[in-house]
Amino acid sequence: MKNYHLAVGIVTGVLIVFVTLIQLEVALVLIWLIFISGPVLIFWMVWAVLKAPVEIKDSFDKKWYQNH
């Protein structure tokens, strides 16, 4: 598994836990902790995706509307 897959998975999992805790109205301290750390997690995920060593073989002109 590549680094950006791990980052997206962790941030998505934290988001699901966050929303679940809000709906269940439990662990207010944990809700606030996730809320405060959210921007850092999002920045980490975006950085991991943008820095991922993914090679794109198709050009914009070639796959504009993916017409075949």
C-alpha atoms as a PDB file:
ATOM      1  CA  MET A   1       0.000   0.000   0.000  1.00  0.00           C
ATOM      2  CA  LYS A   2       1.377   3.355  -0.967  1.00  0.00           C
ATOM      3  CA  ASN A   3       1.773   6.252   1.433  1.00  0.00           C
ATOM      4  CA  TYR A   4      -1.090   8.279   0.015  1.00  0.00           C
ATOM      5  CA  HIS A   5      -3.499   5.340   0.349  1.00  0.00           C
ATOM      6  CA  LEU A   6      -2.599   5.111   4.023  1.00  0.00           C
ATOM      7  CA  ALA A   7      -3.114   8.855   4.541  1.00  0.00           C
ATOM      8  CA  VAL A   8      -6.505   8.852   2.805  1.00  0.00           C
ATOM      9  CA  GLY A   9      -7.586   5.778   4.771  1.00  0.00           C
ATOM     10  CA  ILE A  10      -6.583   7.209   8.142  1.00  0.00           C
ATOM     11  CA  VAL A  11      -8.186  10.606   7.537  1.00  0.00           C
ATOM     12  CA  THR A  12     -11.382   8.960   6.264  1.00  0.00           C
ATOM     13  CA  GLY A  13     -11.478   6.711   9.323  1.00  0.00           C
ATOM     14  CA  VAL A  14     -10.983   9.659  11.661  1.00  0.00           C
ATOM     15  CA  LEU A  15     -13.792  11.521   9.886  1.00  0.00           C
ATOM     16  CA  ILE A  16     -16.149   8.563  10.321  1.00  0.00           C
ATOM     17  CA  VAL A  17     -15.260   8.294  14.020  1.00  0.00           C
ATOM     18  CA  PHE A  18     -15.718  12.051  14.408  1.00  0.00           C
ATOM     19  CA  VAL A  19     -19.191  12.081  12.861  1.00  0.00           C
ATOM     20  CA  THR A  20     -20.215   8.992  14.836  1.00  0.00           C
ATOM     21  CA  LEU A  21     -19.097  10.532  18.127  1.00  0.00           C
ATOM     22  CA  ILE A  22     -21.042  13.699  17.345  1.00  0.00           C
ATOM     23  CA  GLN A  23     -24.218  11.737  16.587  1.00  0.00           C
ATOM     24  CA  LEU A  24     -23.883   9.619  19.744  1.00  0.00           C
ATOM     25  CA  GLU A  25     -23.089  12.731  21.828  1.00  0.00           C
ATOM     26  CA  VAL A  26     -20.309  11.017  23.753  1.00  0.00           C
ATOM     27  CA  ALA A  27     -16.684  11.833  24.526  1.00  0.00           C
ATOM     28  CA  LEU A  28     -16.873  15.599  24.115  1.00  0.00           C
ATOM     29  CA  VAL A  29     -13.133  15.907  24.786  1.00  0.00           C
ATOM     30  CA  LEU A  30     -12.368  13.438  21.994  1.00  0.00           C
ATOM     31  CA  ILE A  31     -14.713  15.300  19.627  1.00  0.00           C
ATOM     32  CA  TRP A  32     -12.874  18.553  20.306  1.00  0.00           C
ATOM     33  CA  LEU A  33      -9.488  16.858  19.964  1.00  0.00           C
ATOM     34  CA  ILE A  34     -10.410  15.495  16.534  1.00  0.00           C
ATOM     35  CA  PHE A  35     -11.904  18.858  15.545  1.00  0.00           C
ATOM     36  CA  ILE A  36      -8.723  20.720  16.514  1.00  0.00           C
ATOM     37  CA  SER A  37      -6.410  18.198  14.813  1.00  0.00           C
ATOM     38  CA  GLY A  38      -8.563  18.047  11.647  1.00  0.00           C
ATOM     39  CA  PRO A  39      -6.716  20.742   9.660  1.00  0.00           C
ATOM     40  CA  VAL A  40      -3.384  19.036  10.333  1.00  0.00           C
ATOM     41  CA  LEU A  41      -4.778  15.690   9.178  1.00  0.00           C
ATOM     42  CA  ILE A  42      -6.240  17.244   6.029  1.00  0.00           C
ATOM     43  CA  PHE A  43      -2.924  18.983   5.259  1.00  0.00           C
ATOM     44  CA  TRP A  44      -1.052  15.678   5.737  1.00  0.00           C
ATOM     45  CA  MET A  45      -3.459  13.872   3.408  1.00  0.00           C
ATOM     46  CA  VAL A  46      -3.244  16.548   0.698  1.00  0.00           C
ATOM     47  CA  TRP A  47       0.551  16.633   0.942  1.00  0.00           C
ATOM     48  CA  ALA A  48       0.761  12.828   0.687  1.00  0.00           C
ATOM     49  CA  VAL A  49      -1.500  12.746  -2.381  1.00  0.00           C
ATOM     50  CA  LEU A  50       0.281  15.598  -4.158  1.00  0.00           C
ATOM     51  CA  LYS A  51       3.757  14.173  -3.463  1.00  0.00           C
ATOM     52  CA  ALA A  52       2.824  10.605  -4.441  1.00  0.00           C
ATOM     53  CA  PRO A  53       5.057   9.129  -7.142  1.00  0.00           C
ATOM     54  CA  VAL A  54       2.220   8.496  -9.598  1.00  0.00           C
ATOM     55  CA  GLU A  55       3.031   8.571 -13.292  1.00  0.00           C
ATOM     56  CA  ILE A  56       0.249   9.751 -15.586  1.00  0.00           C
ATOM     57  CA  LYS A  57       0.572   8.305 -19.066  1.00  0.00           C
ATOM     58  CA  ASP A  58      -2.363  10.037 -20.757  1.00  0.00           C
ATOM     59  CA  SER A  59      -2.370  13.658 -21.847  1.00  0.00           C
ATOM     60  CA  PHE A  60      -5.136  16.161 -21.295  1.00  0.00           C
ATOM     61  CA  ASP A  61      -5.773  16.462 -25.033  1.00  0.00           C
ATOM     62  CA  LYS A  62      -5.954  12.717 -25.481  1.00  0.00           C
ATOM     63  CA  LYS A  63      -8.477  12.052 -22.681  1.00  0.00           C
ATOM     64  CA  TRP A  64     -10.467  15.307 -22.660  1.00  0.00           C
ATOM     65  CA  TYR A  65     -13.925  13.751 -22.488  1.00  0.00           C
ATOM     66  CA  GLN A  66     -12.673  10.162 -22.733  1.00  0.00           C
ATOM     67  CA  ASN A  67     -14.241   9.820 -26.160  1.00  0.00           C
ATOM     68  CA  HIS A  68     -13.304   6.629 -27.906  1.00  0.00           C
END
